[in-house]
Amino acid sequence: RAHICRTITRRAERNVYRVAEDYPISDLVLIFLNRLSDYFFVLARKESQSSAKEIYWEQDNI
């Protein structure tokens, strides 16, 4: 579930960057979202280590 939180946080971060192109946004907002995403990544890794086998993502070679 932490991976889902991270995905949503990253989406929010990208959206804020788009908004920041047209409107003034505090750098602290962007820094906060980035660090929050990092936190969820580490949390997800920790959860994976303590439970079931971790599934690694592999990019398709198209």
N, C-alpha and C. Protein backbone atom coordinates (compact mmCIF):
# COMPACT_ATOMS: atom_id res chain seq x y z
N ARG A 1 0.81 -1.21 0.00
CA ARG A 1 0.00 0.00 0.00
C ARG A 1 0.85 1.26 0.00
N ALA A 2 2.04 1.16 0.54
CA ALA A 2 2.92 2.33 0.53
C ALA A 2 3.30 2.71 -0.90
N HIS A 3 3.39 1.69 -1.78
CA HIS A 3 3.71 2.00 -3.18
C HIS A 3 2.57 2.80 -3.82
N ILE A 4 1.35 2.51 -3.44
CA ILE A 4 0.22 3.28 -3.96
C ILE A 4 0.29 4.71 -3.47
N CYS A 5 0.61 4.89 -2.19
CA CYS A 5 0.77 6.25 -1.64
C CYS A 5 1.87 7.00 -2.37
N ARG A 6 2.95 6.30 -2.65
CA ARG A 6 4.07 6.93 -3.37
C ARG A 6 3.63 7.34 -4.78
N THR A 7 2.90 6.48 -5.45
CA THR A 7 2.43 6.79 -6.80
C THR A 7 1.55 8.03 -6.80
N ILE A 8 0.66 8.11 -5.85
CA ILE A 8 -0.24 9.27 -5.75
C ILE A 8 0.56 10.53 -5.43
N THR A 9 1.54 10.41 -4.54
CA THR A 9 2.38 11.56 -4.18
C THR A 9 3.19 12.03 -5.37
N ARG A 10 3.73 11.10 -6.16
CA ARG A 10 4.51 11.48 -7.34
C ARG A 10 3.61 12.18 -8.36
N ARG A 11 2.38 11.70 -8.52
CA ARG A 11 1.44 12.34 -9.44
C ARG A 11 1.15 13.76 -8.98
N ALA A 12 0.93 13.93 -7.69
CA ALA A 12 0.69 15.27 -7.14
C ALA A 12 1.90 16.17 -7.38
N GLU A 13 3.10 15.62 -7.20
CA GLU A 13 4.32 16.40 -7.42
C GLU A 13 4.41 16.87 -8.87
N ARG A 14 4.14 15.97 -9.81
CA ARG A 14 4.17 16.36 -11.23
C ARG A 14 3.13 17.44 -11.53
N ASN A 15 1.94 17.29 -10.96
CA ASN A 15 0.89 18.28 -11.18
C ASN A 15 1.27 19.65 -10.61
N VAL A 16 1.89 19.66 -9.45
CA VAL A 16 2.31 20.93 -8.84
C VAL A 16 3.39 21.58 -9.70
N TYR A 17 4.30 20.79 -10.26
CA TYR A 17 5.31 21.34 -11.16
C TYR A 17 4.66 22.01 -12.36
N ARG A 18 3.61 21.38 -12.90
CA ARG A 18 2.90 21.98 -14.04
C ARG A 18 2.23 23.30 -13.64
N VAL A 19 1.61 23.30 -12.49
CA VAL A 19 0.95 24.52 -12.00
C VAL A 19 1.99 25.61 -11.75
N ALA A 20 3.16 25.22 -11.25
CA ALA A 20 4.23 26.18 -10.94
C ALA A 20 4.77 26.88 -12.18
N GLU A 21 4.51 26.32 -13.36
CA GLU A 21 4.92 26.99 -14.59
C GLU A 21 4.12 28.27 -14.82
N ASP A 22 2.89 28.32 -14.31
CA ASP A 22 2.01 29.46 -14.54
C ASP A 22 1.72 30.29 -13.29
N TYR A 23 1.90 29.70 -12.13
CA TYR A 23 1.58 30.38 -10.88
C TYR A 23 2.73 30.23 -9.90
N PRO A 24 2.90 31.22 -9.04
CA PRO A 24 3.98 31.10 -8.04
C PRO A 24 3.64 30.04 -6.99
N ILE A 25 4.53 29.09 -6.85
CA ILE A 25 4.39 28.02 -5.86
C ILE A 25 5.66 28.02 -5.02
N SER A 26 5.50 27.93 -3.73
CA SER A 26 6.65 27.89 -2.84
C SER A 26 7.50 26.65 -3.12
N ASP A 27 8.81 26.83 -3.14
CA ASP A 27 9.71 25.69 -3.31
C ASP A 27 9.53 24.67 -2.21
N LEU A 28 9.09 25.13 -1.05
CA LEU A 28 8.88 24.21 0.08
C LEU A 28 7.81 23.16 -0.23
N VAL A 29 6.82 23.53 -1.02
CA VAL A 29 5.78 22.57 -1.40
C VAL A 29 6.39 21.46 -2.25
N LEU A 30 7.20 21.84 -3.22
CA LEU A 30 7.83 20.85 -4.08
C LEU A 30 8.80 19.97 -3.31
N ILE A 31 9.56 20.58 -2.42
CA ILE A 31 10.50 19.82 -1.60
C ILE A 31 9.74 18.84 -0.71
N PHE A 32 8.66 19.32 -0.10
CA PHE A 32 7.86 18.46 0.77
C PHE A 32 7.32 17.25 0.02
N LEU A 33 6.73 17.48 -1.15
CA LEU A 33 6.17 16.37 -1.92
C LEU A 33 7.25 15.38 -2.34
N ASN A 34 8.42 15.88 -2.69
CA ASN A 34 9.52 15.01 -3.07
C ASN A 34 9.97 14.15 -1.90
N ARG A 35 10.11 14.76 -0.74
CA ARG A 35 10.54 14.02 0.45
C ARG A 35 9.46 13.03 0.91
N LEU A 36 8.21 13.42 0.75
CA LEU A 36 7.12 12.51 1.10
C LEU A 36 7.14 11.28 0.19
N SER A 37 7.39 11.50 -1.08
CA SER A 37 7.52 10.39 -2.01
C SER A 37 8.68 9.48 -1.62
N ASP A 38 9.81 10.08 -1.25
CA ASP A 38 10.97 9.30 -0.78
C ASP A 38 10.59 8.46 0.45
N TYR A 39 9.87 9.07 1.37
CA TYR A 39 9.46 8.37 2.58
C TYR A 39 8.61 7.14 2.24
N PHE A 40 7.63 7.32 1.35
CA PHE A 40 6.78 6.19 0.99
C PHE A 40 7.57 5.10 0.27
N PHE A 41 8.57 5.49 -0.50
CA PHE A 41 9.42 4.49 -1.16
C PHE A 41 10.16 3.65 -0.13
N VAL A 42 10.78 4.30 0.83
CA VAL A 42 11.53 3.59 1.88
C VAL A 42 10.58 2.73 2.71
N LEU A 43 9.42 3.27 3.03
CA LEU A 43 8.43 2.51 3.79
C LEU A 43 8.00 1.25 3.03
N ALA A 44 7.77 1.38 1.74
CA ALA A 44 7.37 0.23 0.93
C ALA A 44 8.47 -0.81 0.89
N ARG A 45 9.72 -0.36 0.77
CA ARG A 45 10.85 -1.31 0.78
C ARG A 45 10.91 -2.04 2.12
N LYS A 46 10.73 -1.32 3.20
CA LYS A 46 10.77 -1.93 4.52
C LYS A 46 9.63 -2.94 4.69
N GLU A 47 8.45 -2.59 4.22
CA GLU A 47 7.32 -3.51 4.27
C GLU A 47 7.61 -4.78 3.48
N SER A 48 8.22 -4.61 2.32
CA SER A 48 8.54 -5.76 1.47
C SER A 48 9.54 -6.69 2.14
N GLN A 49 10.50 -6.12 2.81
CA GLN A 49 11.52 -6.93 3.47
C GLN A 49 10.94 -7.72 4.64
N SER A 50 9.92 -7.17 5.27
CA SER A 50 9.37 -7.83 6.45
C SER A 50 8.23 -8.80 6.13
N SER A 51 7.81 -8.83 4.87
CA SER A 51 6.69 -9.72 4.54
C SER A 51 7.06 -10.63 3.37
N ALA A 52 6.22 -10.68 2.40
CA ALA A 52 6.38 -11.61 1.28
C ALA A 52 7.55 -11.23 0.38
N LYS A 53 7.84 -12.14 -0.54
CA LYS A 53 8.91 -11.92 -1.50
C LYS A 53 8.62 -10.68 -2.33
N GLU A 54 9.66 -9.89 -2.56
CA GLU A 54 9.52 -8.66 -3.33
C GLU A 54 9.46 -8.98 -4.81
N ILE A 55 8.56 -8.30 -5.52
CA ILE A 55 8.42 -8.46 -6.97
C ILE A 55 9.08 -7.26 -7.63
N TYR A 56 10.07 -7.53 -8.46
CA TYR A 56 10.80 -6.46 -9.13
C TYR A 56 10.16 -6.15 -10.47
N TRP A 57 10.08 -4.86 -10.79
CA TRP A 57 9.52 -4.42 -12.05
C TRP A 57 10.58 -4.53 -13.11
N GLU A 58 10.20 -5.07 -14.27
CA GLU A 58 11.10 -5.15 -15.40
C GLU A 58 10.46 -4.45 -16.58
N GLN A 59 11.21 -3.56 -17.19
CA GLN A 59 10.69 -2.80 -18.32
C GLN A 59 10.61 -3.71 -19.54
N ASP A 60 9.50 -3.62 -20.25
CA ASP A 60 9.35 -4.39 -21.49
C ASP A 60 10.27 -3.81 -22.55
N ASN A 61 10.88 -4.67 -23.31
CA ASN A 61 11.74 -4.22 -24.41
C ASN A 61 10.92 -4.21 -25.69
N ILE A 62 10.26 -3.10 -25.92
CA ILE A 62 9.40 -2.97 -27.10
C ILE A 62 10.15 -2.23 -28.17
